[in-house]
Every structure is written in C-alpha cells, then in structure tokens.
Amino acid sequence: MVDDGSSACIVHPRVLVQMRLEDKLIPRCITLTGFNNAVEQIYGEIVLPVLAGGVTLETIFHVMNQETAYNAIIGHPWIHAMWAVPSSFYQVIKFSTPWGIFSIRGEPRTVQECYRIAQD
C-alpha cells in the first residue's frame, strides 16, 4: 500500500520470513509514532528492491510487528525518491520513467477487502 501520510516505509516480520530474508535484517533501535500517537519500537531495517513501472529503487524498510492487512506500507521515502505524485482521491500514483509517465492505479475491491480484514 502507498501511504503518502507515512514518513517511513514499513514491512511486517512475517513478510521477511515468507521471503526467507530474516538474516538480512539490520538491527536498529528506532521508535516510530503512529497517527494515533501510539509509540512502536522497530525490530530493525532491511533494504529491499521495489520495482514499479520498470524502475527498481533500493528502499529502506522499517520492520515492525504491527498487524496490518498489507504486506508493506510505502511511505514518503519511496514516494519522494521516485518523484511520484500520489492521489488518494483518484487512487493513482504517477511518476516519470525513461519511457514516459507511468501510472499505478488502485483496485477498489482489493482496498475494500483489505479494510474489511483489518476491521475483523
């Protein structure tokens, strides 16, 4: 999920286990504060390649054991590095590539399903 309100890129530890990348975790002692002022300690960081529109960007993800319906949250660091322009209203994110402007469109049904799972 792309979240233009998040100041960090976040991934859940279960995702690293599924990808067999637990050994790539870099221990860090960082505290993040959520939108609800909840303070969370991260397990560490990991650098993962994010491929979008034919462009790969090595991105630092904070590893947090906070339940979410998403595997990862892409925040400001990736958005700014890609010079991307997200629109929550249109559920699209656009950015330049060597081949022109690329658009990633949200899928309303998937968003609704993730929201429903998060509420359960």
C-alpha atoms as a PDB file:
ATOM      1  CA  MET A   1       0.000   0.000   0.000  1.00  0.00           C
ATOM      2  CA  VAL A   2       1.226   3.500  -0.815  1.00  0.00           C
ATOM      3  CA  ASP A   3       0.566   5.888   2.086  1.00  0.00           C
ATOM      4  CA  ASP A   4       1.510   9.497   1.425  1.00  0.00           C
ATOM      5  CA  GLY A   5       0.865  10.222   5.110  1.00  0.00           C
ATOM      6  CA  SER A   6       3.561   7.822   6.304  1.00  0.00           C
ATOM      7  CA  SER A   7       7.051   9.158   6.953  1.00  0.00           C
ATOM      8  CA  ALA A   8       8.510   5.637   6.759  1.00  0.00           C
ATOM      9  CA  CYS A   9       8.346   2.520   4.634  1.00  0.00           C
ATOM     10  CA  ILE A  10       7.229  -0.369   6.840  1.00  0.00           C
ATOM     11  CA  VAL A  11       7.199  -4.141   6.446  1.00  0.00           C
ATOM     12  CA  HIS A  12       5.913  -6.836   8.839  1.00  0.00           C
ATOM     13  CA  PRO A  13       8.368  -9.519  10.085  1.00  0.00           C
ATOM     14  CA  ARG A  14       6.136 -12.305   8.690  1.00  0.00           C
ATOM     15  CA  VAL A  15       6.832 -10.957   5.196  1.00  0.00           C
ATOM     16  CA  LEU A  16      10.582 -11.344   5.732  1.00  0.00           C
ATOM     17  CA  VAL A  17      10.007 -14.915   6.941  1.00  0.00           C
ATOM     18  CA  GLN A  18       7.914 -15.683   3.853  1.00  0.00           C
ATOM     19  CA  MET A  19      10.642 -14.196   1.636  1.00  0.00           C
ATOM     20  CA  ARG A  20      13.361 -16.004   3.644  1.00  0.00           C
ATOM     21  CA  LEU A  21      15.155 -12.714   4.289  1.00  0.00           C
ATOM     22  CA  GLU A  22      15.243 -12.690   8.115  1.00  0.00           C
ATOM     23  CA  ASP A  23      19.045 -12.927   8.036  1.00  0.00           C
ATOM     24  CA  LYS A  24      19.235  -9.644   6.067  1.00  0.00           C
ATOM     25  CA  LEU A  25      17.652  -7.659   8.919  1.00  0.00           C
ATOM     26  CA  ILE A  26      19.894  -4.831  10.162  1.00  0.00           C
ATOM     27  CA  PRO A  27      19.301  -4.277  13.912  1.00  0.00           C
ATOM     28  CA  ARG A  28      18.298  -0.696  14.720  1.00  0.00           C
ATOM     29  CA  CYS A  29      16.844   0.901  17.840  1.00  0.00           C
ATOM     30  CA  ILE A  30      14.336   3.390  16.449  1.00  0.00           C
ATOM     31  CA  THR A  31      10.979   4.453  17.839  1.00  0.00           C
ATOM     32  CA  LEU A  32       8.174   5.450  15.479  1.00  0.00           C
ATOM     33  CA  THR A  33       4.986   7.257  16.432  1.00  0.00           C
ATOM     34  CA  GLY A  34       1.800   6.315  14.605  1.00  0.00           C
ATOM     35  CA  PHE A  35      -1.049   8.583  13.549  1.00  0.00           C
ATOM     36  CA  ASN A  36      -2.869   7.637  16.777  1.00  0.00           C
ATOM     37  CA  ASN A  37       0.208   8.656  18.843  1.00  0.00           C
ATOM     38  CA  ALA A  38       0.994   5.005  19.572  1.00  0.00           C
ATOM     39  CA  VAL A  39       4.736   4.579  20.084  1.00  0.00           C
ATOM     40  CA  GLU A  40       6.254   1.483  18.460  1.00  0.00           C
ATOM     41  CA  GLN A  41       9.789   0.128  18.582  1.00  0.00           C
ATOM     42  CA  ILE A  42      11.057  -1.315  15.304  1.00  0.00           C
ATOM     43  CA  TYR A  43      12.938  -4.632  15.079  1.00  0.00           C
ATOM     44  CA  GLY A  44      15.363  -3.223  12.577  1.00  0.00           C
ATOM     45  CA  GLU A  45      15.694  -2.226   8.943  1.00  0.00           C
ATOM     46  CA  ILE A  46      16.063  -4.030   5.665  1.00  0.00           C
ATOM     47  CA  VAL A  47      16.866  -2.762   2.189  1.00  0.00           C
ATOM     48  CA  LEU A  48      14.513  -4.197  -0.428  1.00  0.00           C
ATOM     49  CA  PRO A  49      14.246  -3.516  -4.151  1.00  0.00           C
ATOM     50  CA  VAL A  50      10.901  -2.001  -5.128  1.00  0.00           C
ATOM     51  CA  LEU A  51      10.033  -2.451  -8.816  1.00  0.00           C
ATOM     52  CA  ALA A  52       7.431  -0.104 -10.277  1.00  0.00           C
ATOM     53  CA  GLY A  53       6.933   0.850 -13.903  1.00  0.00           C
ATOM     54  CA  GLY A  54      10.176  -0.821 -14.954  1.00  0.00           C
ATOM     55  CA  VAL A  55      12.168   1.227 -12.414  1.00  0.00           C
ATOM     56  CA  THR A  56      13.824  -0.521  -9.454  1.00  0.00           C
ATOM     57  CA  LEU A  57      14.625   1.512  -6.353  1.00  0.00           C
ATOM     58  CA  GLU A  58      16.506   0.095  -3.350  1.00  0.00           C
ATOM     59  CA  THR A  59      14.347   1.174  -0.401  1.00  0.00           C
ATOM     60  CA  ILE A  60      14.929   1.065   3.356  1.00  0.00           C
ATOM     61  CA  PHE A  61      12.008  -0.552   5.192  1.00  0.00           C
ATOM     62  CA  HIS A  62      11.492  -0.422   8.951  1.00  0.00           C
ATOM     63  CA  VAL A  63      10.474  -3.835  10.283  1.00  0.00           C
ATOM     64  CA  MET A  64       7.570  -3.506  12.729  1.00  0.00           C
ATOM     65  CA  ASN A  65       5.393  -6.137  14.344  1.00  0.00           C
ATOM     66  CA  GLN A  66       2.201  -4.148  13.901  1.00  0.00           C
ATOM     67  CA  GLU A  67      -0.726  -6.018  12.413  1.00  0.00           C
ATOM     68  CA  THR A  68      -1.931  -4.661   9.110  1.00  0.00           C
ATOM     69  CA  ALA A  69      -3.884  -6.012   6.158  1.00  0.00           C
ATOM     70  CA  TYR A  70      -0.936  -5.077   3.925  1.00  0.00           C
ATOM     71  CA  ASN A  71       2.429  -6.772   3.447  1.00  0.00           C
ATOM     72  CA  ALA A  72       4.204  -3.431   3.309  1.00  0.00           C
ATOM     73  CA  ILE A  73       3.497   0.269   3.513  1.00  0.00           C
ATOM     74  CA  ILE A  74       5.311   2.514   1.058  1.00  0.00           C
ATOM     75  CA  GLY A  75       5.728   5.985   2.557  1.00  0.00           C
ATOM     76  CA  HIS A  76       7.427   9.320   1.865  1.00  0.00           C
ATOM     77  CA  PRO A  77      10.983   7.963   1.407  1.00  0.00           C
ATOM     78  CA  TRP A  78       9.987   5.935  -1.679  1.00  0.00           C
ATOM     79  CA  ILE A  79       7.440   8.475  -2.953  1.00  0.00           C
ATOM     80  CA  HIS A  80       9.973  11.312  -2.806  1.00  0.00           C
ATOM     81  CA  ALA A  81      12.868   9.263  -4.210  1.00  0.00           C
ATOM     82  CA  MET A  82      10.685   8.329  -7.200  1.00  0.00           C
ATOM     83  CA  TRP A  83       9.425  11.899  -7.594  1.00  0.00           C
ATOM     84  CA  ALA A  84       5.990  10.296  -7.519  1.00  0.00           C
ATOM     85  CA  VAL A  85       2.668  12.106  -7.232  1.00  0.00           C
ATOM     86  CA  PRO A  86       0.018  10.115  -5.349  1.00  0.00           C
ATOM     87  CA  SER A  87      -3.693  10.952  -5.436  1.00  0.00           C
ATOM     88  CA  SER A  88      -5.880   9.274  -2.832  1.00  0.00           C
ATOM     89  CA  PHE A  89      -8.987  10.731  -4.493  1.00  0.00           C
ATOM     90  CA  TYR A  90      -8.253   9.067  -7.837  1.00  0.00           C
ATOM     91  CA  GLN A  91      -6.444   6.087  -6.243  1.00  0.00           C
ATOM     92  CA  VAL A  92      -3.461   6.509  -8.539  1.00  0.00           C
ATOM     93  CA  ILE A  93       0.228   7.261  -8.205  1.00  0.00           C
ATOM     94  CA  LYS A  94       2.160   8.705 -11.154  1.00  0.00           C
ATOM     95  CA  PHE A  95       5.878   9.075 -11.757  1.00  0.00           C
ATOM     96  CA  SER A  96       8.332   9.577 -14.605  1.00  0.00           C
ATOM     97  CA  THR A  97      10.271   6.705 -16.121  1.00  0.00           C
ATOM     98  CA  PRO A  98      12.752   6.674 -19.004  1.00  0.00           C
ATOM     99  CA  TRP A  99       9.786   5.567 -21.145  1.00  0.00           C
ATOM    100  CA  GLY A 100       7.331   8.287 -20.080  1.00  0.00           C
ATOM    101  CA  ILE A 101       4.818   8.825 -17.291  1.00  0.00           C
ATOM    102  CA  PHE A 102       3.774   5.632 -15.508  1.00  0.00           C
ATOM    103  CA  SER A 103       0.533   5.266 -13.528  1.00  0.00           C
ATOM    104  CA  ILE A 104      -0.265   2.691 -10.868  1.00  0.00           C
ATOM    105  CA  ARG A 105      -3.985   2.521 -10.229  1.00  0.00           C
ATOM    106  CA  GLY A 106      -5.614   1.281  -7.049  1.00  0.00           C
ATOM    107  CA  GLU A 107      -8.095  -1.559  -7.105  1.00  0.00           C
ATOM    108  CA  PRO A 108     -11.215  -0.504  -5.158  1.00  0.00           C
ATOM    109  CA  ARG A 109     -12.328  -4.098  -4.487  1.00  0.00           C
ATOM    110  CA  THR A 110      -8.913  -5.004  -3.090  1.00  0.00           C
ATOM    111  CA  VAL A 111      -8.891  -1.875  -0.915  1.00  0.00           C
ATOM    112  CA  GLN A 112     -12.345  -2.731   0.446  1.00  0.00           C
ATOM    113  CA  GLU A 113     -11.286  -6.327   1.151  1.00  0.00           C
ATOM    114  CA  CYS A 114      -8.126  -5.209   2.981  1.00  0.00           C
ATOM    115  CA  TYR A 115     -10.178  -2.740   5.007  1.00  0.00           C
ATOM    116  CA  ARG A 116     -12.680  -5.472   5.916  1.00  0.00           C
ATOM    117  CA  ILE A 117      -9.858  -7.819   7.001  1.00  0.00           C
ATOM    118  CA  ALA A 118      -8.306  -5.072   9.123  1.00  0.00           C
ATOM    119  CA  GLN A 119     -11.646  -4.491  10.885  1.00  0.00           C
ATOM    120  CA  ASP A 120     -12.092  -8.192  11.802  1.00  0.00           C
END
